[in-house]
Amino acid sequence: MKTVYLIRHAKSSWSFDLNDHDRPLGKRGRKDVIKMGKHLGEHQPKPEVLISSTASRAFYTALHICDQIGIDEGHIRLDKNLYHAGAAEILKKIKEAPNCDRLALFGHNPGFTSAANALANLDFDNVPTCGMVGINFNVKYWKDVEFGSGMLSFFYFPKEI
């Protein structure tokens, strides 16, 4: 059994004159990510591999989640291809994942909503900021994951927690 955690970045700030890639987390995002990290740590096993988009808001979401669940930040891998990746690119990253049982990806919409829907035949309108979708796959190797082969394990988002 393999489980992927698709974690959308927390709410970002528009207060600075920065390009999209460099926008930091906003006040609400910093509050939400701490709450969501605690919730994840209390209800799910820790991911073994963490891969984040290089965008500031995704990377800092990953850092805060690591703090809350007790994973050293040095375990986060950065991947520029997750920045605004679509469902096909996200599936590719899952298939290329190193050997582990639980993989966490940190990134962006609309790709994360599309990927969640395609991976587990879901019908989510939107994975909100700092939303977390867990999808189980009855496979031995990540390379065997396909669209439609997953089952929803959990869906957490700040307004629900």
Protein backbone atom coordinates (compact mmCIF):
# COMPACT_ATOMS: atom_id res chain seq x y z
CA MET A 1 0.00 0.00 0.00
CA LYS A 2 1.25 3.48 -0.93
CA THR A 3 -0.21 6.80 0.18
CA VAL A 4 0.37 10.19 -1.37
CA TYR A 5 -0.41 13.39 0.52
CA LEU A 6 -1.21 16.24 -1.87
CA ILE A 7 -0.80 19.42 0.19
CA ARG A 8 -1.71 22.73 -1.39
CA HIS A 9 0.30 25.70 -0.18
CA ALA A 10 -1.19 27.90 2.55
CA LYS A 11 -2.68 31.32 1.79
CA SER A 12 -0.09 33.65 0.33
CA SER A 13 0.43 37.36 0.73
CA TRP A 14 -0.14 39.92 -2.00
CA SER A 15 1.34 42.73 0.12
CA PHE A 16 4.71 42.76 -1.60
CA ASP A 17 5.73 43.70 -5.12
CA LEU A 18 7.10 40.26 -5.96
CA ASN A 19 6.70 37.90 -8.85
CA ASP A 20 4.28 35.00 -8.34
CA HIS A 21 7.02 32.47 -7.57
CA ASP A 22 8.39 34.54 -4.68
CA ARG A 23 5.17 35.45 -2.85
CA PRO A 24 5.43 34.51 0.86
CA LEU A 25 2.77 33.11 3.14
CA GLY A 26 0.31 35.66 4.47
CA LYS A 27 -0.86 36.04 8.07
CA ARG A 28 -3.82 33.68 7.57
CA GLY A 29 -1.60 31.20 5.75
CA ARG A 30 0.88 31.08 8.62
CA LYS A 31 -1.95 30.50 11.09
CA ASP A 32 -3.64 27.84 8.95
CA VAL A 33 -0.48 25.85 8.22
CA ILE A 34 0.33 25.48 11.91
CA LYS A 35 -3.20 24.29 12.65
CA MET A 36 -3.22 21.93 9.67
CA GLY A 37 0.23 20.54 10.46
CA LYS A 38 -0.86 19.72 14.01
CA HIS A 39 -4.01 18.05 12.69
CA LEU A 40 -2.07 16.01 10.14
CA GLY A 41 0.42 14.91 12.78
CA GLU A 42 -2.36 13.82 15.14
CA HIS A 43 -4.35 11.86 12.54
CA GLN A 44 -1.97 10.46 9.93
CA PRO A 45 1.41 8.73 9.88
CA LYS A 46 4.34 10.93 8.92
CA PRO A 47 5.27 11.05 5.26
CA GLU A 48 8.68 9.56 4.59
CA VAL A 49 9.51 11.62 1.51
CA LEU A 50 8.53 15.27 1.05
CA ILE A 51 8.82 17.07 -2.28
CA SER A 52 7.90 20.73 -2.65
CA SER A 53 7.49 23.19 -5.45
CA THR A 54 10.27 25.78 -5.37
CA ALA A 55 7.73 28.61 -4.94
CA SER A 56 8.16 30.34 -1.56
CA ARG A 57 4.58 29.73 -0.43
CA ALA A 58 4.80 25.98 -1.12
CA PHE A 59 8.27 25.60 0.42
CA TYR A 60 7.30 27.50 3.58
CA THR A 61 4.14 25.42 3.85
CA ALA A 62 6.36 22.33 3.75
CA LEU A 63 8.70 23.81 6.38
CA HIS A 64 5.84 24.60 8.77
CA ILE A 65 4.27 21.17 8.28
CA CYS A 66 7.62 19.55 9.07
CA ASP A 67 7.87 21.61 12.26
CA GLN A 68 4.42 20.49 13.38
CA ILE A 69 4.86 16.78 12.66
CA GLY A 70 8.45 16.46 13.82
CA ILE A 71 10.34 15.95 10.57
CA ASP A 72 13.69 17.64 10.02
CA GLU A 73 13.42 20.29 7.30
CA GLY A 74 16.45 18.75 5.60
CA HIS A 75 14.17 15.98 4.36
CA ILE A 76 12.33 18.35 2.01
CA ARG A 77 13.32 18.01 -1.63
CA LEU A 78 12.67 20.94 -3.95
CA ASP A 79 11.38 20.36 -7.46
CA LYS A 80 10.86 23.28 -9.82
CA ASN A 81 8.58 21.12 -11.99
CA LEU A 82 5.92 21.12 -9.24
CA TYR A 83 5.48 24.89 -9.66
CA HIS A 84 2.04 25.09 -11.30
CA ALA A 85 2.28 21.47 -12.43
CA GLY A 86 -0.75 19.90 -14.04
CA ALA A 87 -2.18 16.49 -13.18
CA ALA A 88 0.04 14.66 -15.70
CA GLU A 89 3.23 16.19 -14.26
CA ILE A 90 2.08 15.38 -10.71
CA LEU A 91 1.44 11.75 -11.72
CA LYS A 92 4.93 11.68 -13.25
CA LYS A 93 6.44 12.91 -9.95
CA ILE A 94 4.52 10.23 -8.03
CA LYS A 95 5.72 7.50 -10.41
CA GLU A 96 9.33 8.71 -10.01
CA ALA A 97 9.16 8.85 -6.19
CA PRO A 98 11.85 7.04 -4.24
CA ASN A 99 10.94 3.87 -2.40
CA CYS A 100 8.73 4.75 0.58
CA ASP A 101 5.17 4.09 1.72
CA ARG A 102 4.06 7.70 2.28
CA LEU A 103 4.91 10.57 -0.05
CA ALA A 104 3.96 14.22 0.51
CA LEU A 105 3.86 16.67 -2.40
CA PHE A 106 3.50 20.42 -1.80
CA GLY A 107 2.22 22.56 -4.64
CA HIS A 108 -0.48 24.54 -6.32
CA ASN A 109 -3.91 24.64 -7.87
CA PRO A 110 -5.43 23.99 -10.28
CA GLY A 111 -3.03 21.06 -10.65
CA PHE A 112 -3.52 19.58 -7.19
CA THR A 113 -7.31 19.56 -7.49
CA SER A 114 -7.09 18.04 -10.97
CA ALA A 115 -4.58 15.42 -9.81
CA ALA A 116 -6.66 14.43 -6.77
CA ASN A 117 -9.75 14.06 -8.96
CA ALA A 118 -7.91 12.05 -11.61
CA LEU A 119 -5.98 9.81 -9.21
CA ALA A 120 -9.00 8.68 -7.19
CA ASN A 121 -12.01 9.38 -9.43
CA LEU A 122 -13.10 12.24 -7.20
CA ASP A 123 -15.21 15.27 -8.00
CA PHE A 124 -13.67 18.04 -5.89
CA ASP A 125 -14.46 21.54 -7.06
CA ASN A 126 -11.40 22.87 -5.28
CA VAL A 127 -8.66 21.84 -2.88
CA PRO A 128 -8.51 25.07 -0.86
CA THR A 129 -5.31 26.74 0.32
CA CYS A 130 -3.60 24.53 2.90
CA GLY A 131 -5.94 21.70 1.93
CA MET A 132 -4.60 18.16 2.27
CA VAL A 133 -5.74 15.17 0.26
CA GLY A 134 -4.55 11.66 1.13
CA ILE A 135 -4.90 9.00 -1.54
CA ASN A 136 -4.13 5.29 -1.06
CA PHE A 137 -2.92 3.03 -3.83
CA ASN A 138 -2.93 -0.76 -3.68
CA VAL A 139 0.46 -1.05 -5.39
CA LYS A 140 3.93 -2.18 -4.33
CA TYR A 141 5.81 0.42 -6.40
CA TRP A 142 5.08 4.07 -7.13
CA LYS A 143 5.73 3.43 -10.83
CA ASP A 144 2.51 1.38 -10.89
CA VAL A 145 0.24 4.27 -9.84
CA GLU A 146 -2.20 5.31 -12.57
CA PHE A 147 -5.05 7.78 -12.83
CA GLY A 148 -8.18 6.21 -11.38
CA SER A 149 -6.28 3.65 -9.29
CA GLY A 150 -6.42 5.47 -5.94
CA MET A 151 -8.91 5.64 -3.09
CA LEU A 152 -9.50 8.71 -0.95
CA SER A 153 -8.03 8.30 2.53
CA PHE A 154 -8.63 11.82 3.88
CA PHE A 155 -9.44 15.38 2.88
CA TYR A 156 -8.59 18.09 5.39
CA PHE A 157 -8.89 21.83 4.95
CA PRO A 158 -8.64 24.80 7.34
CA LYS A 159 -12.33 25.70 7.55
CA GLU A 160 -13.17 22.10 8.53
CA ILE A 161 -10.52 21.81 11.27
